[in-house]
């Protein structure tokens, strides 16, 4: 009879352990699934923030390029000609500007700039004098 009681006890104990292990494994799997889901959401949020930050940087870069292109063209319009170097700088910057989605305002300016004559000599470019005074920075 002791053997029968022992067999019954071992069977019940084994069933209880098996049930407990099944519950533990289910909890571990649920936690792992929740972790993967949370991690995917965090990665998606990070990617979204990075894209937003990149869009801001791209917008700032586009604005700076637009300003540089406009200043270059205005300087050439004022002189009535442009040098080969100025044309190369404008062309290179223009290509990058368009890659970043630049608009037609600069296209129009480039169309007006193209007919200007080339000047090979840098000595024909008038020297610019700085007339505005720069105040020292205050701490």
C-alpha atoms as a PDB file:
ATOM      1  CA  UNK A   1       0.000   0.000   0.000  1.00  0.00           C
ATOM      2  CA  UNK A   2       2.886   2.359   0.660  1.00  0.00           C
ATOM      3  CA  UNK A   3       4.047   1.855  -2.921  1.00  0.00           C
ATOM      4  CA  UNK A   4       0.609   2.722  -4.239  1.00  0.00           C
ATOM      5  CA  UNK A   5       0.420   5.880  -2.147  1.00  0.00           C
ATOM      6  CA  UNK A   6       3.937   6.795  -3.255  1.00  0.00           C
ATOM      7  CA  UNK A   7       3.004   6.217  -6.935  1.00  0.00           C
ATOM      8  CA  UNK A   8      -0.123   8.333  -6.544  1.00  0.00           C
ATOM      9  CA  UNK A   9       1.842  11.067  -4.788  1.00  0.00           C
ATOM     10  CA  UNK A  10       4.526  11.028  -7.528  1.00  0.00           C
ATOM     11  CA  UNK A  11       1.863  11.160 -10.249  1.00  0.00           C
ATOM     12  CA  UNK A  12       0.089  14.093  -8.592  1.00  0.00           C
ATOM     13  CA  UNK A  13       3.415  15.846  -7.926  1.00  0.00           C
ATOM     14  CA  UNK A  14       4.580  15.308 -11.522  1.00  0.00           C
ATOM     15  CA  UNK A  15       1.256  16.628 -12.841  1.00  0.00           C
ATOM     16  CA  UNK A  16       1.482  19.670 -10.566  1.00  0.00           C
ATOM     17  CA  UNK A  17       5.083  20.386 -11.606  1.00  0.00           C
ATOM     18  CA  UNK A  18       4.180  19.919 -15.268  1.00  0.00           C
ATOM     19  CA  UNK A  19       1.233  22.305 -14.906  1.00  0.00           C
ATOM     20  CA  UNK A  20       3.356  24.862 -13.069  1.00  0.00           C
ATOM     21  CA  UNK A  21       6.086  24.626 -15.737  1.00  0.00           C
ATOM     22  CA  UNK A  22       3.468  25.057 -18.467  1.00  0.00           C
ATOM     23  CA  UNK A  23       2.176  28.217 -16.767  1.00  0.00           C
ATOM     24  CA  UNK A  24       5.727  29.529 -16.300  1.00  0.00           C
ATOM     25  CA  UNK A  25       6.582  28.853 -19.959  1.00  0.00           C
ATOM     26  CA  UNK A  26       3.390  30.581 -21.105  1.00  0.00           C
ATOM     27  CA  UNK A  27       4.242  33.619 -18.971  1.00  0.00           C
ATOM     28  CA  UNK A  28       7.791  33.671 -20.360  1.00  0.00           C
ATOM     29  CA  UNK A  29       6.482  33.452 -23.935  1.00  0.00           C
ATOM     30  CA  UNK A  30       3.916  36.196 -23.251  1.00  0.00           C
ATOM     31  CA  UNK A  31       6.617  38.408 -21.724  1.00  0.00           C
ATOM     32  CA  UNK A  32       8.924  37.763 -24.686  1.00  0.00           C
ATOM     33  CA  UNK A  33       6.135  38.628 -27.142  1.00  0.00           C
ATOM     34  CA  UNK A  34       5.311  41.809 -25.194  1.00  0.00           C
ATOM     35  CA  UNK A  35       9.004  42.740 -25.100  1.00  0.00           C
ATOM     36  CA  UNK A  36       9.370  42.240 -28.877  1.00  0.00           C
ATOM     37  CA  UNK A  37       6.242  44.328 -29.483  1.00  0.00           C
ATOM     38  CA  UNK A  38       7.442  47.093 -27.159  1.00  0.00           C
ATOM     39  CA  UNK A  39      10.900  47.018 -28.750  1.00  0.00           C
ATOM     40  CA  UNK A  40       9.387  47.270 -32.253  1.00  0.00           C
ATOM     41  CA  UNK A  41       7.269  50.251 -31.143  1.00  0.00           C
ATOM     42  CA  UNK A  42      10.328  51.947 -29.643  1.00  0.00           C
ATOM     43  CA  UNK A  43      12.333  51.354 -32.813  1.00  0.00           C
ATOM     44  CA  UNK A  44       9.496  52.742 -34.935  1.00  0.00           C
ATOM     45  CA  UNK A  45       9.268  55.829 -32.708  1.00  0.00           C
ATOM     46  CA  UNK A  46      13.036  56.317 -32.889  1.00  0.00           C
ATOM     47  CA  UNK A  47      12.967  55.968 -36.677  1.00  0.00           C
ATOM     48  CA  UNK A  48      10.139  58.516 -36.876  1.00  0.00           C
ATOM     49  CA  UNK A  49      12.047  61.005 -34.695  1.00  0.00           C
ATOM     50  CA  UNK A  50      15.213  60.491 -36.747  1.00  0.00           C
ATOM     51  CA  UNK A  51      13.282  61.108 -39.977  1.00  0.00           C
ATOM     52  CA  UNK A  52      11.753  64.267 -38.503  1.00  0.00           C
ATOM     53  CA  UNK A  53      15.172  65.508 -37.389  1.00  0.00           C
ATOM     54  CA  UNK A  54      16.624  64.709 -40.814  1.00  0.00           C
ATOM     55  CA  UNK A  55      13.784  66.607 -42.472  1.00  0.00           C
ATOM     56  CA  UNK A  56      14.609  69.637 -40.294  1.00  0.00           C
ATOM     57  CA  UNK A  57      18.301  69.399 -41.204  1.00  0.00           C
ATOM     58  CA  UNK A  58      17.417  68.999 -44.879  1.00  0.00           C
ATOM     59  CA  UNK A  59      15.156  72.048 -44.709  1.00  0.00           C
ATOM     60  CA  UNK A  60      17.883  74.124 -43.073  1.00  0.00           C
ATOM     61  CA  UNK A  61      20.422  72.944 -45.626  1.00  0.00           C
ATOM     62  CA  UNK A  62      18.027  73.749 -48.456  1.00  0.00           C
ATOM     63  CA  UNK A  63      17.506  77.272 -47.074  1.00  0.00           C
ATOM     64  CA  UNK A  64      21.256  77.837 -46.794  1.00  0.00           C
ATOM     65  CA  UNK A  65      21.829  76.587 -50.340  1.00  0.00           C
ATOM     66  CA  UNK A  66      19.015  78.814 -51.633  1.00  0.00           C
ATOM     67  CA  UNK A  67      20.620  81.804 -49.921  1.00  0.00           C
ATOM     68  CA  UNK A  68      24.057  80.973 -51.298  1.00  0.00           C
ATOM     69  CA  UNK A  69      22.697  80.503 -54.825  1.00  0.00           C
ATOM     70  CA  UNK A  70      20.781  83.771 -54.624  1.00  0.00           C
ATOM     71  CA  UNK A  71      23.792  85.689 -53.287  1.00  0.00           C
ATOM     72  CA  UNK A  72      26.017  84.219 -55.994  1.00  0.00           C
ATOM     73  CA  UNK A  73      23.544  85.109 -58.731  1.00  0.00           C
ATOM     74  CA  UNK A  74      22.873  88.602 -57.335  1.00  0.00           C
ATOM     75  CA  UNK A  75      26.610  89.305 -57.238  1.00  0.00           C
ATOM     76  CA  UNK A  76      26.927  88.189 -60.875  1.00  0.00           C
ATOM     77  CA  UNK A  77      23.900  90.256 -61.937  1.00  0.00           C
ATOM     78  CA  UNK A  78      25.406  93.280 -60.215  1.00  0.00           C
ATOM     79  CA  UNK A  79      28.739  92.814 -62.031  1.00  0.00           C
ATOM     80  CA  UNK A  80      27.113  91.891 -65.320  1.00  0.00           C
ATOM     81  CA  UNK A  81      29.257  88.775 -65.768  1.00  0.00           C
ATOM     82  CA  UNK A  82      30.458  85.708 -63.913  1.00  0.00           C
ATOM     83  CA  UNK A  83      33.729  83.845 -63.734  1.00  0.00           C
ATOM     84  CA  UNK A  84      34.177  80.219 -64.636  1.00  0.00           C
ATOM     85  CA  UNK A  85      34.726  79.483 -60.940  1.00  0.00           C
ATOM     86  CA  UNK A  86      31.498  81.233 -59.955  1.00  0.00           C
ATOM     87  CA  UNK A  87      29.615  79.296 -62.633  1.00  0.00           C
ATOM     88  CA  UNK A  88      31.069  75.975 -61.418  1.00  0.00           C
ATOM     89  CA  UNK A  89      30.165  76.762 -57.825  1.00  0.00           C
ATOM     90  CA  UNK A  90      26.649  77.780 -58.842  1.00  0.00           C
ATOM     91  CA  UNK A  91      26.176  74.655 -60.994  1.00  0.00           C
ATOM     92  CA  UNK A  92      27.440  72.277 -58.316  1.00  0.00           C
ATOM     93  CA  UNK A  93      25.373  73.891 -55.580  1.00  0.00           C
ATOM     94  CA  UNK A  94      22.332  74.000 -57.872  1.00  0.00           C
ATOM     95  CA  UNK A  95      22.527  70.236 -58.522  1.00  0.00           C
ATOM     96  CA  UNK A  96      22.600  69.503 -54.788  1.00  0.00           C
ATOM     97  CA  UNK A  97      19.823  72.028 -54.206  1.00  0.00           C
ATOM     98  CA  UNK A  98      17.600  70.222 -56.713  1.00  0.00           C
ATOM     99  CA  UNK A  99      18.433  66.818 -55.173  1.00  0.00           C
ATOM    100  CA  UNK A 100      17.080  68.163 -51.875  1.00  0.00           C
ATOM    101  CA  UNK A 101      13.857  69.242 -53.579  1.00  0.00           C
ATOM    102  CA  UNK A 102      14.625  72.882 -54.347  1.00  0.00           C
ATOM    103  CA  UNK A 103      11.907  74.835 -56.136  1.00  0.00           C
ATOM    104  CA  UNK A 104      11.551  76.833 -59.329  1.00  0.00           C
ATOM    105  CA  UNK A 105      12.562  80.225 -57.920  1.00  0.00           C
ATOM    106  CA  UNK A 106      16.207  79.264 -58.252  1.00  0.00           C
ATOM    107  CA  UNK A 107      15.493  77.685 -61.668  1.00  0.00           C
ATOM    108  CA  UNK A 108      14.286  81.065 -62.896  1.00  0.00           C
ATOM    109  CA  UNK A 109      17.343  82.775 -61.457  1.00  0.00           C
ATOM    110  CA  UNK A 110      19.613  80.247 -63.182  1.00  0.00           C
ATOM    111  CA  UNK A 111      17.837  80.895 -66.485  1.00  0.00           C
ATOM    112  CA  UNK A 112      18.538  84.624 -66.086  1.00  0.00           C
ATOM    113  CA  UNK A 113      22.159  83.927 -65.105  1.00  0.00           C
ATOM    114  CA  UNK A 114      23.060  81.714 -68.092  1.00  0.00           C
ATOM    115  CA  UNK A 115      23.142  84.498 -70.733  1.00  0.00           C
ATOM    116  CA  UNK A 116      25.671  86.554 -68.745  1.00  0.00           C
ATOM    117  CA  UNK A 117      29.162  86.558 -70.266  1.00  0.00           C
ATOM    118  CA  UNK A 118      32.098  84.681 -68.765  1.00  0.00           C
ATOM    119  CA  UNK A 119      35.147  86.515 -67.528  1.00  0.00           C
ATOM    120  CA  UNK A 120      38.307  84.458 -67.136  1.00  0.00           C
ATOM    121  CA  UNK A 121      40.279  86.992 -65.140  1.00  0.00           C
ATOM    122  CA  UNK A 122      39.744  87.382 -61.428  1.00  0.00           C
ATOM    123  CA  UNK A 123      41.212  90.902 -61.503  1.00  0.00           C
ATOM    124  CA  UNK A 124      38.058  92.157 -63.227  1.00  0.00           C
ATOM    125  CA  UNK A 125      36.001  91.208 -60.209  1.00  0.00           C
ATOM    126  CA  UNK A 126      35.581  94.344 -58.094  1.00  0.00           C
ATOM    127  CA  UNK A 127      36.865  94.025 -54.559  1.00  0.00           C
ATOM    128  CA  UNK A 128      34.105  94.170 -52.006  1.00  0.00           C
ATOM    129  CA  UNK A 129      34.600  96.508 -49.100  1.00  0.00           C
ATOM    130  CA  UNK A 130      33.035  95.825 -45.797  1.00  0.00           C
ATOM    131  CA  UNK A 131      31.326  98.989 -44.615  1.00  0.00           C
ATOM    132  CA  UNK A 132      29.360  97.639 -41.679  1.00  0.00           C
ATOM    133  CA  UNK A 133      31.188  97.404 -38.407  1.00  0.00           C
ATOM    134  CA  UNK A 134      31.114  94.238 -36.384  1.00  0.00           C
ATOM    135  CA  UNK A 135      30.594  94.742 -32.696  1.00  0.00           C
ATOM    136  CA  UNK A 136      32.560  92.458 -30.347  1.00  0.00           C
ATOM    137  CA  UNK A 137      30.545  89.778 -28.591  1.00  0.00           C
ATOM    138  CA  UNK A 138      29.482  90.529 -25.058  1.00  0.00           C
ATOM    139  CA  UNK A 139      29.836  87.832 -22.412  1.00  0.00           C
END
